[in-house]
């Protein structure tokens, strides 16, 4: 596939996704108990492979779908809260280093949405 598709720079979109995934993975690694980190690391590896080895639109669609699929429904990534319950005070508090979580998660979702093309392939 060419760098541009109908005037859209897919390489730039893929770089944007990789940057967003790097940011989210860095944030999620602050929570050693986060069950979602592995999924985002695998998607990051896949995105880097597509960047380095080439891709077609169906491959970008699959990567986008893999990312977007965990953002909805019960028990999804949307239910993840970057917090721990403090046994001494009995309340949840945000994990240190997770201040950027909301923005990082939104950046990944937005970048994944930009990659997908429906109905052409």
PDB file of N, CA and C in Angstrom:
ATOM      1  N   UNK A   1       0.843  -1.170   0.000  1.00  0.00           N
ATOM      2  CA  UNK A   1       0.000   0.000   0.000  1.00  0.00           C
ATOM      3  C   UNK A   1       0.889   1.234   0.000  1.00  0.00           C
ATOM      4  N   UNK A   2       0.417   2.254  -0.655  1.00  0.00           N
ATOM      5  CA  UNK A   2       1.170   3.499  -0.686  1.00  0.00           C
ATOM      6  C   UNK A   2       1.042   4.218   0.649  1.00  0.00           C
ATOM      7  N   UNK A   3       1.916   5.198   0.822  1.00  0.00           N
ATOM      8  CA  UNK A   3       1.893   5.975   2.053  1.00  0.00           C
ATOM      9  C   UNK A   3       0.569   6.701   2.218  1.00  0.00           C
ATOM     10  N   UNK A   4      -0.020   7.126   1.105  1.00  0.00           N
ATOM     11  CA  UNK A   4      -1.297   7.812   1.197  1.00  0.00           C
ATOM     12  C   UNK A   4      -2.382   6.967   0.573  1.00  0.00           C
ATOM     13  N   UNK A   5      -3.558   7.041   1.121  1.00  0.00           N
ATOM     14  CA  UNK A   5      -4.713   6.313   0.624  1.00  0.00           C
ATOM     15  C   UNK A   5      -5.842   7.331   0.514  1.00  0.00           C
ATOM     16  N   UNK A   6      -6.177   7.693  -0.720  1.00  0.00           N
ATOM     17  CA  UNK A   6      -7.202   8.711  -0.949  1.00  0.00           C
ATOM     18  C   UNK A   6      -6.872  10.012  -0.221  1.00  0.00           C
ATOM     19  N   UNK A   7      -5.611  10.380  -0.264  1.00  0.00           N
ATOM     20  CA  UNK A   7      -5.192  11.622   0.375  1.00  0.00           C
ATOM     21  C   UNK A   7      -4.951  11.513   1.866  1.00  0.00           C
ATOM     22  N   UNK A   8      -5.133  10.331   2.430  1.00  0.00           N
ATOM     23  CA  UNK A   8      -4.927  10.113   3.868  1.00  0.00           C
ATOM     24  C   UNK A   8      -3.578   9.450   4.060  1.00  0.00           C
ATOM     25  N   UNK A   9      -2.769   9.998   4.914  1.00  0.00           N
ATOM     26  CA  UNK A   9      -1.430   9.471   5.163  1.00  0.00           C
ATOM     27  C   UNK A   9      -1.510   8.363   6.215  1.00  0.00           C
ATOM     28  N   UNK A  10      -1.628   7.130   5.746  1.00  0.00           N
ATOM     29  CA  UNK A  10      -1.745   5.980   6.651  1.00  0.00           C
ATOM     30  C   UNK A  10      -0.475   5.790   7.493  1.00  0.00           C
ATOM     31  N   UNK A  11       0.683   6.082   6.917  1.00  0.00           N
ATOM     32  CA  UNK A  11       1.934   5.971   7.690  1.00  0.00           C
ATOM     33  C   UNK A  11       1.879   6.908   8.896  1.00  0.00           C
ATOM     34  N   UNK A  12       1.432   8.138   8.692  1.00  0.00           N
ATOM     35  CA  UNK A  12       1.329   9.101   9.796  1.00  0.00           C
ATOM     36  C   UNK A  12       0.319   8.619  10.828  1.00  0.00           C
ATOM     37  N   UNK A  13      -0.784   8.045  10.373  1.00  0.00           N
ATOM     38  CA  UNK A  13      -1.781   7.523  11.307  1.00  0.00           C
ATOM     39  C   UNK A  13      -1.228   6.349  12.107  1.00  0.00           C
ATOM     40  N   UNK A  14      -0.462   5.495  11.454  1.00  0.00           N
ATOM     41  CA  UNK A  14       0.145   4.366  12.149  1.00  0.00           C
ATOM     42  C   UNK A  14       1.173   4.860  13.164  1.00  0.00           C
ATOM     43  N   UNK A  15       1.969   5.851  12.794  1.00  0.00           N
ATOM     44  CA  UNK A  15       2.927   6.440  13.755  1.00  0.00           C
ATOM     45  C   UNK A  15       2.191   7.055  14.942  1.00  0.00           C
ATOM     46  N   UNK A  16       1.073   7.709  14.677  1.00  0.00           N
ATOM     47  CA  UNK A  16       0.278   8.306  15.757  1.00  0.00           C
ATOM     48  C   UNK A  16      -0.225   7.224  16.714  1.00  0.00           C
ATOM     49  N   UNK A  17      -0.680   6.107  16.154  1.00  0.00           N
ATOM     50  CA  UNK A  17      -1.155   5.004  16.985  1.00  0.00           C
ATOM     51  C   UNK A  17      -0.016   4.437  17.821  1.00  0.00           C
ATOM     52  N   UNK A  18       1.136   4.244  17.215  1.00  0.00           N
ATOM     53  CA  UNK A  18       2.290   3.705  17.946  1.00  0.00           C
ATOM     54  C   UNK A  18       2.668   4.632  19.095  1.00  0.00           C
ATOM     55  N   UNK A  19       2.682   5.915  18.837  1.00  0.00           N
ATOM     56  CA  UNK A  19       2.996   6.884  19.890  1.00  0.00           C
ATOM     57  C   UNK A  19       1.957   6.822  21.019  1.00  0.00           C
ATOM     58  N   UNK A  20       0.682   6.732  20.646  1.00  0.00           N
ATOM     59  CA  UNK A  20      -0.382   6.654  21.646  1.00  0.00           C
ATOM     60  C   UNK A  20      -0.267   5.363  22.460  1.00  0.00           C
ATOM     61  N   UNK A  21       0.002   4.243  21.783  1.00  0.00           N
ATOM     62  CA  UNK A  21       0.166   2.973  22.493  1.00  0.00           C
ATOM     63  C   UNK A  21       1.357   3.008  23.439  1.00  0.00           C
ATOM     64  N   UNK A  22       2.464   3.584  22.993  1.00  0.00           N
ATOM     65  CA  UNK A  22       3.618   3.718  23.887  1.00  0.00           C
ATOM     66  C   UNK A  22       3.242   4.497  25.138  1.00  0.00           C
ATOM     67  N   UNK A  23       2.500   5.577  24.965  1.00  0.00           N
ATOM     68  CA  UNK A  23       2.073   6.383  26.104  1.00  0.00           C
ATOM     69  C   UNK A  23       1.172   5.611  27.044  1.00  0.00           C
ATOM     70  N   UNK A  24       0.193   4.902  26.494  1.00  0.00           N
ATOM     71  CA  UNK A  24      -0.726   4.145  27.340  1.00  0.00           C
ATOM     72  C   UNK A  24      -0.016   3.002  28.055  1.00  0.00           C
ATOM     73  N   UNK A  25       0.842   2.286  27.354  1.00  0.00           N
ATOM     74  CA  UNK A  25       1.578   1.187  27.990  1.00  0.00           C
ATOM     75  C   UNK A  25       2.433   1.722  29.140  1.00  0.00           C
ATOM     76  N   UNK A  26       3.074   2.853  28.932  1.00  0.00           N
ATOM     77  CA  UNK A  26       3.891   3.446  30.002  1.00  0.00           C
ATOM     78  C   UNK A  26       3.053   3.755  31.234  1.00  0.00           C
ATOM     79  N   UNK A  27       1.855   4.251  31.002  1.00  0.00           N
ATOM     80  CA  UNK A  27       0.971   4.564  32.126  1.00  0.00           C
ATOM     81  C   UNK A  27       0.492   3.280  32.801  1.00  0.00           C
ATOM     82  N   UNK A  28       0.022   2.326  32.002  1.00  0.00           N
ATOM     83  CA  UNK A  28      -0.517   1.083  32.575  1.00  0.00           C
ATOM     84  C   UNK A  28       0.532   0.291  33.341  1.00  0.00           C
ATOM     85  N   UNK A  29       1.786   0.407  32.956  1.00  0.00           N
ATOM     86  CA  UNK A  29       2.843  -0.322  33.662  1.00  0.00           C
ATOM     87  C   UNK A  29       3.012   0.154  35.104  1.00  0.00           C
ATOM     88  N   UNK A  30       2.397   1.268  35.456  1.00  0.00           N
ATOM     89  CA  UNK A  30       2.433   1.734  36.843  1.00  0.00           C
ATOM     90  C   UNK A  30       1.571   0.854  37.756  1.00  0.00           C
ATOM     91  N   UNK A  31       0.644   0.102  37.141  1.00  0.00           N
ATOM     92  CA  UNK A  31      -0.242  -0.801  37.882  1.00  0.00           C
ATOM     93  C   UNK A  31       0.152  -2.232  37.548  1.00  0.00           C
ATOM     94  N   UNK A  32       0.910  -2.843  38.415  1.00  0.00           N
ATOM     95  CA  UNK A  32       1.394  -4.205  38.152  1.00  0.00           C
ATOM     96  C   UNK A  32       0.254  -5.216  38.042  1.00  0.00           C
ATOM     97  N   UNK A  33      -0.913  -4.872  38.536  1.00  0.00           N
ATOM     98  CA  UNK A  33      -2.050  -5.780  38.477  1.00  0.00           C
ATOM     99  C   UNK A  33      -2.992  -5.537  37.314  1.00  0.00           C
ATOM    100  N   UNK A  34      -2.654  -4.638  36.424  1.00  0.00           N
ATOM    101  CA  UNK A  34      -3.549  -4.320  35.306  1.00  0.00           C
ATOM    102  C   UNK A  34      -3.556  -5.468  34.299  1.00  0.00           C
ATOM    103  N   UNK A  35      -4.720  -6.051  34.096  1.00  0.00           N
ATOM    104  CA  UNK A  35      -4.836  -7.190  33.175  1.00  0.00           C
ATOM    105  C   UNK A  35      -4.842  -6.771  31.713  1.00  0.00           C
ATOM    106  N   UNK A  36      -4.915  -5.480  31.420  1.00  0.00           N
ATOM    107  CA  UNK A  36      -5.007  -4.993  30.048  1.00  0.00           C
ATOM    108  C   UNK A  36      -3.654  -4.657  29.429  1.00  0.00           C
ATOM    109  N   UNK A  37      -2.631  -4.528  30.230  1.00  0.00           N
ATOM    110  CA  UNK A  37      -1.327  -4.103  29.720  1.00  0.00           C
ATOM    111  C   UNK A  37      -0.825  -5.025  28.611  1.00  0.00           C
ATOM    112  N   UNK A  38      -0.933  -6.313  28.807  1.00  0.00           N
ATOM    113  CA  UNK A  38      -0.454  -7.283  27.817  1.00  0.00           C
ATOM    114  C   UNK A  38      -1.117  -7.109  26.459  1.00  0.00           C
ATOM    115  N   UNK A  39      -2.412  -6.838  26.454  1.00  0.00           N
ATOM    116  CA  UNK A  39      -3.127  -6.638  25.187  1.00  0.00           C
ATOM    117  C   UNK A  39      -2.556  -5.434  24.440  1.00  0.00           C
ATOM    118  N   UNK A  40      -2.333  -4.351  25.163  1.00  0.00           N
ATOM    119  CA  UNK A  40      -1.818  -3.146  24.510  1.00  0.00           C
ATOM    120  C   UNK A  40      -0.366  -3.330  24.068  1.00  0.00           C
ATOM    121  N   UNK A  41       0.410  -4.084  24.806  1.00  0.00           N
ATOM    122  CA  UNK A  41       1.781  -4.382  24.388  1.00  0.00           C
ATOM    123  C   UNK A  41       1.764  -5.208  23.101  1.00  0.00           C
ATOM    124  N   UNK A  42       0.885  -6.200  23.021  1.00  0.00           N
ATOM    125  CA  UNK A  42       0.774  -7.014  21.796  1.00  0.00           C
ATOM    126  C   UNK A  42       0.338  -6.154  20.609  1.00  0.00           C
ATOM    127  N   UNK A  43      -0.605  -5.261  20.830  1.00  0.00           N
ATOM    128  CA  UNK A  43      -1.048  -4.366  19.747  1.00  0.00           C
ATOM    129  C   UNK A  43       0.074  -3.424  19.331  1.00  0.00           C
ATOM    130  N   UNK A  44       0.857  -2.955  20.285  1.00  0.00           N
ATOM    131  CA  UNK A  44       2.000  -2.099  19.974  1.00  0.00           C
ATOM    132  C   UNK A  44       3.004  -2.859  19.118  1.00  0.00           C
ATOM    133  N   UNK A  45       3.304  -4.080  19.488  1.00  0.00           N
ATOM    134  CA  UNK A  45       4.226  -4.910  18.715  1.00  0.00           C
ATOM    135  C   UNK A  45       3.700  -5.122  17.298  1.00  0.00           C
ATOM    136  N   UNK A  46       2.408  -5.380  17.186  1.00  0.00           N
ATOM    137  CA  UNK A  46       1.802  -5.577  15.866  1.00  0.00           C
ATOM    138  C   UNK A  46       1.876  -4.292  15.046  1.00  0.00           C
ATOM    139  N   UNK A  47       1.587  -3.158  15.656  1.00  0.00           N
ATOM    140  CA  UNK A  47       1.636  -1.875  14.937  1.00  0.00           C
ATOM    141  C   UNK A  47       3.052  -1.580  14.456  1.00  0.00           C
ATOM    142  N   UNK A  48       4.036  -1.846  15.294  1.00  0.00           N
ATOM    143  CA  UNK A  48       5.427  -1.618  14.900  1.00  0.00           C
ATOM    144  C   UNK A  48       5.827  -2.543  13.758  1.00  0.00           C
ATOM    145  N   UNK A  49       5.342  -3.774  13.786  1.00  0.00           N
ATOM    146  CA  UNK A  49       5.622  -4.725  12.713  1.00  0.00           C
ATOM    147  C   UNK A  49       4.996  -4.256  11.401  1.00  0.00           C
ATOM    148  N   UNK A  50       3.778  -3.767  11.461  1.00  0.00           N
ATOM    149  CA  UNK A  50       3.134  -3.246  10.253  1.00  0.00           C
ATOM    150  C   UNK A  50       3.905  -2.049   9.707  1.00  0.00           C
ATOM    151  N   UNK A  51       4.346  -1.189  10.597  1.00  0.00           N
ATOM    152  CA  UNK A  51       5.134  -0.025  10.174  1.00  0.00           C
ATOM    153  C   UNK A  51       6.423  -0.462   9.497  1.00  0.00           C
ATOM    154  N   UNK A  52       7.094  -1.433  10.077  1.00  0.00           N
ATOM    155  CA  UNK A  52       8.413  -1.853   9.593  1.00  0.00           C
ATOM    156  C   UNK A  52       8.352  -2.788   8.385  1.00  0.00           C
ATOM    157  N   UNK A  53       7.343  -3.663   8.340  1.00  0.00           N
ATOM    158  CA  UNK A  53       7.287  -4.706   7.320  1.00  0.00           C
ATOM    159  C   UNK A  53       6.268  -4.452   6.222  1.00  0.00           C
ATOM    160  N   UNK A  54       5.448  -3.450   6.384  1.00  0.00           N
ATOM    161  CA  UNK A  54       4.425  -3.143   5.393  1.00  0.00           C
ATOM    162  C   UNK A  54       3.054  -3.624   5.838  1.00  0.00           C
ATOM    163  N   UNK A  55       2.038  -3.121   5.164  1.00  0.00           N
ATOM    164  CA  UNK A  55       0.666  -3.419   5.555  1.00  0.00           C
ATOM    165  C   UNK A  55      -0.252  -3.160   4.373  1.00  0.00           C
ATOM    166  N   UNK A  56      -1.463  -3.667   4.514  1.00  0.00           N
ATOM    167  CA  UNK A  56      -2.537  -3.311   3.606  1.00  0.00           C
ATOM    168  C   UNK A  56      -3.703  -2.844   4.481  1.00  0.00           C
ATOM    169  N   UNK A  57      -4.736  -2.321   3.863  1.00  0.00           N
ATOM    170  CA  UNK A  57      -5.845  -1.773   4.654  1.00  0.00           C
ATOM    171  C   UNK A  57      -6.529  -2.833   5.520  1.00  0.00           C
ATOM    172  N   UNK A  58      -6.728  -4.052   5.030  1.00  0.00           N
ATOM    173  CA  UNK A  58      -7.320  -5.065   5.918  1.00  0.00           C
ATOM    174  C   UNK A  58      -6.492  -5.312   7.187  1.00  0.00           C
ATOM    175  N   UNK A  59      -5.168  -5.249   7.091  1.00  0.00           N
ATOM    176  CA  UNK A  59      -4.326  -5.430   8.287  1.00  0.00           C
ATOM    177  C   UNK A  59      -4.536  -4.264   9.260  1.00  0.00           C
ATOM    178  N   UNK A  60      -4.644  -3.052   8.736  1.00  0.00           N
ATOM    179  CA  UNK A  60      -4.908  -1.894   9.597  1.00  0.00           C
ATOM    180  C   UNK A  60      -6.289  -2.007  10.233  1.00  0.00           C
ATOM    181  N   UNK A  61      -7.265  -2.479   9.466  1.00  0.00           N
ATOM    182  CA  UNK A  61      -8.611  -2.672  10.004  1.00  0.00           C
ATOM    183  C   UNK A  61      -8.614  -3.682  11.145  1.00  0.00           C
ATOM    184  N   UNK A  62      -7.870  -4.779  10.978  1.00  0.00           N
ATOM    185  CA  UNK A  62      -7.812  -5.808  12.026  1.00  0.00           C
ATOM    186  C   UNK A  62      -7.172  -5.260  13.295  1.00  0.00           C
ATOM    187  N   UNK A  63      -6.085  -4.517  13.146  1.00  0.00           N
ATOM    188  CA  UNK A  63      -5.431  -3.925  14.315  1.00  0.00           C
ATOM    189  C   UNK A  63      -6.385  -2.950  15.010  1.00  0.00           C
ATOM    190  N   UNK A  64      -7.039  -2.119  14.228  1.00  0.00           N
ATOM    191  CA  UNK A  64      -7.998  -1.174  14.787  1.00  0.00           C
ATOM    192  C   UNK A  64      -9.110  -1.899  15.534  1.00  0.00           C
ATOM    193  N   UNK A  65      -9.647  -2.947  14.931  1.00  0.00           N
ATOM    194  CA  UNK A  65     -10.732  -3.710  15.557  1.00  0.00           C
ATOM    195  C   UNK A  65     -10.271  -4.353  16.856  1.00  0.00           C
ATOM    196  N   UNK A  66      -9.065  -4.880  16.868  1.00  0.00           N
ATOM    197  CA  UNK A  66      -8.531  -5.505  18.078  1.00  0.00           C
ATOM    198  C   UNK A  66      -8.451  -4.495  19.217  1.00  0.00           C
ATOM    199  N   UNK A  67      -8.044  -3.289  18.899  1.00  0.00           N
ATOM    200  CA  UNK A  67      -7.953  -2.244  19.919  1.00  0.00           C
ATOM    201  C   UNK A  67      -9.342  -1.768  20.347  1.00  0.00           C
ATOM    202  N   UNK A  68     -10.188  -1.459  19.397  1.00  0.00           N
ATOM    203  CA  UNK A  68     -11.495  -0.894  19.711  1.00  0.00           C
ATOM    204  C   UNK A  68     -12.399  -1.882  20.432  1.00  0.00           C
ATOM    205  N   UNK A  69     -12.211  -3.185  20.187  1.00  0.00           N
ATOM    206  CA  UNK A  69     -13.107  -4.197  20.747  1.00  0.00           C
ATOM    207  C   UNK A  69     -13.082  -4.263  22.265  1.00  0.00           C
ATOM    208  N   UNK A  70     -11.996  -3.862  22.886  1.00  0.00           N
ATOM    209  CA  UNK A  70     -11.923  -3.982  24.349  1.00  0.00           C
ATOM    210  C   UNK A  70     -12.432  -2.735  25.069  1.00  0.00           C
ATOM    211  N   UNK A  71     -12.874  -1.736  24.312  1.00  0.00           N
ATOM    212  CA  UNK A  71     -13.335  -0.494  24.919  1.00  0.00           C
ATOM    213  C   UNK A  71     -14.825  -0.481  25.253  1.00  0.00           C
ATOM    214  N   UNK A  72     -15.563  -1.543  24.988  1.00  0.00           N
ATOM    215  CA  UNK A  72     -16.997  -1.486  25.251  1.00  0.00           C
ATOM    216  C   UNK A  72     -17.528  -2.729  25.914  1.00  0.00           C
ATOM    217  N   UNK A  73     -18.638  -2.575  26.617  1.00  0.00           N
ATOM    218  CA  UNK A  73     -19.314  -3.701  27.244  1.00  0.00           C
ATOM    219  C   UNK A  73     -18.877  -3.939  28.681  1.00  0.00           C
ATOM    220  N   UNK A  74     -19.631  -4.799  29.334  1.00  0.00           N
ATOM    221  CA  UNK A  74     -19.328  -5.129  30.729  1.00  0.00           C
ATOM    222  C   UNK A  74     -17.990  -5.847  30.821  1.00  0.00           C
ATOM    223  N   UNK A  75     -17.211  -5.475  31.792  1.00  0.00           N
ATOM    224  CA  UNK A  75     -15.910  -6.095  32.000  1.00  0.00           C
ATOM    225  C   UNK A  75     -14.861  -5.644  31.014  1.00  0.00           C
ATOM    226  N   UNK A  76     -15.136  -4.588  30.295  1.00  0.00           N
ATOM    227  CA  UNK A  76     -14.207  -4.105  29.278  1.00  0.00           C
ATOM    228  C   UNK A  76     -13.168  -3.163  29.886  1.00  0.00           C
ATOM    229  N   UNK A  77     -12.282  -2.727  29.039  1.00  0.00           N
ATOM    230  CA  UNK A  77     -11.248  -1.782  29.454  1.00  0.00           C
ATOM    231  C   UNK A  77     -11.862  -0.493  30.002  1.00  0.00           C
ATOM    232  N   UNK A  78     -13.049  -0.136  29.510  1.00  0.00           N
ATOM    233  CA  UNK A  78     -13.716   1.056  30.025  1.00  0.00           C
ATOM    234  C   UNK A  78     -14.033   0.941  31.514  1.00  0.00           C
ATOM    235  N   UNK A  79     -14.111  -0.278  32.025  1.00  0.00           N
ATOM    236  CA  UNK A  79     -14.391  -0.484  33.447  1.00  0.00           C
ATOM    237  C   UNK A  79     -13.137  -0.435  34.314  1.00  0.00           C
ATOM    238  N   UNK A  80     -11.984  -0.423  33.675  1.00  0.00           N
ATOM    239  CA  UNK A  80     -10.725  -0.388  34.425  1.00  0.00           C
ATOM    240  C   UNK A  80     -10.591   0.942  35.164  1.00  0.00           C
ATOM    241  N   UNK A  81     -10.233   0.860  36.419  1.00  0.00           N
ATOM    242  CA  UNK A  81      -9.993   2.060  37.224  1.00  0.00           C
ATOM    243  C   UNK A  81      -8.567   1.996  37.758  1.00  0.00           C
ATOM    244  N   UNK A  82      -7.756   2.978  37.427  1.00  0.00           N
ATOM    245  CA  UNK A  82      -6.359   2.972  37.895  1.00  0.00           C
ATOM    246  C   UNK A  82      -6.269   3.375  39.364  1.00  0.00           C
ATOM    247  N   UNK A  83      -6.806   2.498  40.224  1.00  0.00           N
ATOM    248  CA  UNK A  83      -6.847   2.802  41.655  1.00  0.00           C
ATOM    249  C   UNK A  83      -6.601   1.540  42.467  1.00  0.00           C
ATOM    250  N   UNK A  84      -6.209   1.760  43.694  1.00  0.00           N
ATOM    251  CA  UNK A  84      -6.028   0.668  44.667  1.00  0.00           C
ATOM    252  C   UNK A  84      -6.785   1.037  45.928  1.00  0.00           C
ATOM    253  N   UNK A  85      -7.306   0.032  46.584  1.00  0.00           N
ATOM    254  CA  UNK A  85      -7.972   0.267  47.858  1.00  0.00           C
ATOM    255  C   UNK A  85      -6.906   0.293  48.943  1.00  0.00           C
ATOM    256  N   UNK A  86      -6.891   1.362  49.670  1.00  0.00           N
ATOM    257  CA  UNK A  86      -5.962   1.521  50.788  1.00  0.00           C
ATOM    258  C   UNK A  86      -6.588   0.835  51.995  1.00  0.00           C
ATOM    259  N   UNK A  87      -5.977  -0.243  52.460  1.00  0.00           N
ATOM    260  CA  UNK A  87      -6.500  -1.014  53.579  1.00  0.00           C
ATOM    261  C   UNK A  87      -6.613  -0.221  54.867  1.00  0.00           C
ATOM    262  N   UNK A  88      -5.751   0.749  55.062  1.00  0.00           N
ATOM    263  CA  UNK A  88      -5.776   1.542  56.293  1.00  0.00           C
ATOM    264  C   UNK A  88      -6.959   2.490  56.356  1.00  0.00           C
ATOM    265  N   UNK A  89      -7.280   3.097  55.240  1.00  0.00           N
ATOM    266  CA  UNK A  89      -8.377   4.061  55.251  1.00  0.00           C
ATOM    267  C   UNK A  89      -9.649   3.504  54.617  1.00  0.00           C
ATOM    268  N   UNK A  90      -9.550   2.344  53.951  1.00  0.00           N
ATOM    269  CA  UNK A  90     -10.709   1.694  53.368  1.00  0.00           C
ATOM    270  C   UNK A  90     -11.277   2.386  52.140  1.00  0.00           C
ATOM    271  N   UNK A  91     -10.476   3.208  51.504  1.00  0.00           N
ATOM    272  CA  UNK A  91     -10.944   3.920  50.304  1.00  0.00           C
ATOM    273  C   UNK A  91      -9.998   3.664  49.152  1.00  0.00           C
ATOM    274  N   UNK A  92     -10.556   3.822  47.955  1.00  0.00           N
ATOM    275  CA  UNK A  92      -9.731   3.699  46.758  1.00  0.00           C
ATOM    276  C   UNK A  92      -9.018   5.021  46.514  1.00  0.00           C
ATOM    277  N   UNK A  93      -7.791   4.901  46.057  1.00  0.00           N
ATOM    278  CA  UNK A  93      -7.047   6.099  45.678  1.00  0.00           C
ATOM    279  C   UNK A  93      -6.322   5.805  44.368  1.00  0.00           C
ATOM    280  N   UNK A  94      -6.182   6.841  43.572  1.00  0.00           N
ATOM    281  CA  UNK A  94      -5.540   6.704  42.265  1.00  0.00           C
ATOM    282  C   UNK A  94      -4.084   6.270  42.445  1.00  0.00           C
ATOM    283  N   UNK A  95      -3.633   5.354  41.598  1.00  0.00           N
ATOM    284  CA  UNK A  95      -2.262   4.878  41.628  1.00  0.00           C
ATOM    285  C   UNK A  95      -1.350   6.008  41.175  1.00  0.00           C
ATOM    286  N   UNK A  96      -0.287   6.221  41.899  1.00  0.00           N
ATOM    287  CA  UNK A  96       0.668   7.258  41.512  1.00  0.00           C
ATOM    288  C   UNK A  96       1.206   6.977  40.118  1.00  0.00           C
ATOM    289  N   UNK A  97       1.310   8.012  39.316  1.00  0.00           N
ATOM    290  CA  UNK A  97       1.789   7.863  37.953  1.00  0.00           C
ATOM    291  C   UNK A  97       0.682   7.644  36.940  1.00  0.00           C
ATOM    292  N   UNK A  98      -0.561   7.557  37.401  1.00  0.00           N
ATOM    293  CA  UNK A  98      -1.683   7.277  36.512  1.00  0.00           C
ATOM    294  C   UNK A  98      -2.471   8.530  36.129  1.00  0.00           C
ATOM    295  N   UNK A  99      -1.920   9.688  36.408  1.00  0.00           N
ATOM    296  CA  UNK A  99      -2.637  10.931  36.118  1.00  0.00           C
ATOM    297  C   UNK A  99      -2.954  11.083  34.632  1.00  0.00           C
ATOM    298  N   UNK A 100      -2.134  10.529  33.792  1.00  0.00           N
ATOM    299  CA  UNK A 100      -2.305  10.666  32.344  1.00  0.00           C
ATOM    300  C   UNK A 100      -3.167   9.555  31.745  1.00  0.00           C
ATOM    301  N   UNK A 101      -3.736   8.699  32.583  1.00  0.00           N
ATOM    302  CA  UNK A 101      -4.465   7.535  32.090  1.00  0.00           C
ATOM    303  C   UNK A 101      -5.601   7.896  31.134  1.00  0.00           C
ATOM    304  N   UNK A 102      -6.487   8.779  31.539  1.00  0.00           N
ATOM    305  CA  UNK A 102      -7.665   9.081  30.716  1.00  0.00           C
ATOM    306  C   UNK A 102      -7.268   9.595  29.335  1.00  0.00           C
ATOM    307  N   UNK A 103      -6.331  10.517  29.297  1.00  0.00           N
ATOM    308  CA  UNK A 103      -5.882  11.062  28.018  1.00  0.00           C
ATOM    309  C   UNK A 103      -5.179  10.029  27.162  1.00  0.00           C
ATOM    310  N   UNK A 104      -4.381   9.174  27.795  1.00  0.00           N
ATOM    311  CA  UNK A 104      -3.650   8.142  27.058  1.00  0.00           C
ATOM    312  C   UNK A 104      -4.611   7.113  26.458  1.00  0.00           C
ATOM    313  N   UNK A 105      -5.621   6.709  27.220  1.00  0.00           N
ATOM    314  CA  UNK A 105      -6.598   5.745  26.711  1.00  0.00           C
ATOM    315  C   UNK A 105      -7.404   6.349  25.565  1.00  0.00           C
ATOM    316  N   UNK A 106      -7.809   7.600  25.715  1.00  0.00           N
ATOM    317  CA  UNK A 106      -8.570   8.266  24.650  1.00  0.00           C
ATOM    318  C   UNK A 106      -7.730   8.423  23.387  1.00  0.00           C
ATOM    319  N   UNK A 107      -6.440   8.700  23.538  1.00  0.00           N
ATOM    320  CA  UNK A 107      -5.554   8.859  22.372  1.00  0.00           C
ATOM    321  C   UNK A 107      -5.443   7.556  21.592  1.00  0.00           C
ATOM    322  N   UNK A 108      -5.367   6.432  22.289  1.00  0.00           N
ATOM    323  CA  UNK A 108      -5.297   5.128  21.608  1.00  0.00           C
ATOM    324  C   UNK A 108      -6.594   4.859  20.858  1.00  0.00           C
ATOM    325  N   UNK A 109      -7.711   5.067  21.511  1.00  0.00           N
ATOM    326  CA  UNK A 109      -8.994   4.815  20.847  1.00  0.00           C
ATOM    327  C   UNK A 109      -9.157   5.706  19.614  1.00  0.00           C
ATOM    328  N   UNK A 110      -8.860   6.981  19.765  1.00  0.00           N
ATOM    329  CA  UNK A 110      -8.990   7.919  18.642  1.00  0.00           C
ATOM    330  C   UNK A 110      -8.068   7.530  17.477  1.00  0.00           C
ATOM    331  N   UNK A 111      -6.831   7.154  17.789  1.00  0.00           N
ATOM    332  CA  UNK A 111      -5.883   6.761  16.742  1.00  0.00           C
ATOM    333  C   UNK A 111      -6.340   5.475  16.061  1.00  0.00           C
ATOM    334  N   UNK A 112      -6.899   4.546  16.816  1.00  0.00           N
ATOM    335  CA  UNK A 112      -7.410   3.302  16.230  1.00  0.00           C
ATOM    336  C   UNK A 112      -8.592   3.592  15.310  1.00  0.00           C
ATOM    337  N   UNK A 113      -9.446   4.520  15.684  1.00  0.00           N
ATOM    338  CA  UNK A 113     -10.587   4.889  14.846  1.00  0.00           C
ATOM    339  C   UNK A 113     -10.128   5.472  13.510  1.00  0.00           C
ATOM    340  N   UNK A 114      -9.069   6.240  13.520  1.00  0.00           N
ATOM    341  CA  UNK A 114      -8.583   6.872  12.291  1.00  0.00           C
ATOM    342  C   UNK A 114      -8.071   5.845  11.285  1.00  0.00           C
ATOM    343  N   UNK A 115      -7.575   4.712  11.760  1.00  0.00           N
ATOM    344  CA  UNK A 115      -6.995   3.704  10.865  1.00  0.00           C
ATOM    345  C   UNK A 115      -8.018   2.907  10.075  1.00  0.00           C
ATOM    346  N   UNK A 116      -9.205   2.767  10.595  1.00  0.00           N
ATOM    347  CA  UNK A 116     -10.173   1.853   9.997  1.00  0.00           C
ATOM    348  C   UNK A 116     -10.872   2.478   8.790  1.00  0.00           C
ATOM    349  N   UNK A 117     -11.064   1.646   7.781  1.00  0.00           N
ATOM    350  CA  UNK A 117     -11.860   2.019   6.615  1.00  0.00           C
ATOM    351  C   UNK A 117     -12.887   0.906   6.454  1.00  0.00           C
ATOM    352  N   UNK A 118     -14.142   1.286   6.363  1.00  0.00           N
ATOM    353  CA  UNK A 118     -15.233   0.316   6.280  1.00  0.00           C
ATOM    354  C   UNK A 118     -15.783   0.304   4.855  1.00  0.00           C
ATOM    355  N   UNK A 119     -15.973  -0.879   4.335  1.00  0.00           N
ATOM    356  CA  UNK A 119     -16.682  -1.038   3.089  1.00  0.00           C
ATOM    357  C   UNK A 119     -15.844  -0.967   1.819  1.00  0.00           C
ATOM    358  N   UNK A 120     -14.580  -0.644   1.903  1.00  0.00           N
ATOM    359  CA  UNK A 120     -13.774  -0.571   0.696  1.00  0.00           C
ATOM    360  C   UNK A 120     -12.962  -1.822   0.464  1.00  0.00           C
ATOM    361  N   UNK A 121     -12.772  -2.644   1.481  1.00  0.00           N
ATOM    362  CA  UNK A 121     -11.853  -3.770   1.357  1.00  0.00           C
ATOM    363  C   UNK A 121     -12.520  -5.057   1.686  1.00  0.00           C
TER     364      UNK A 121
END
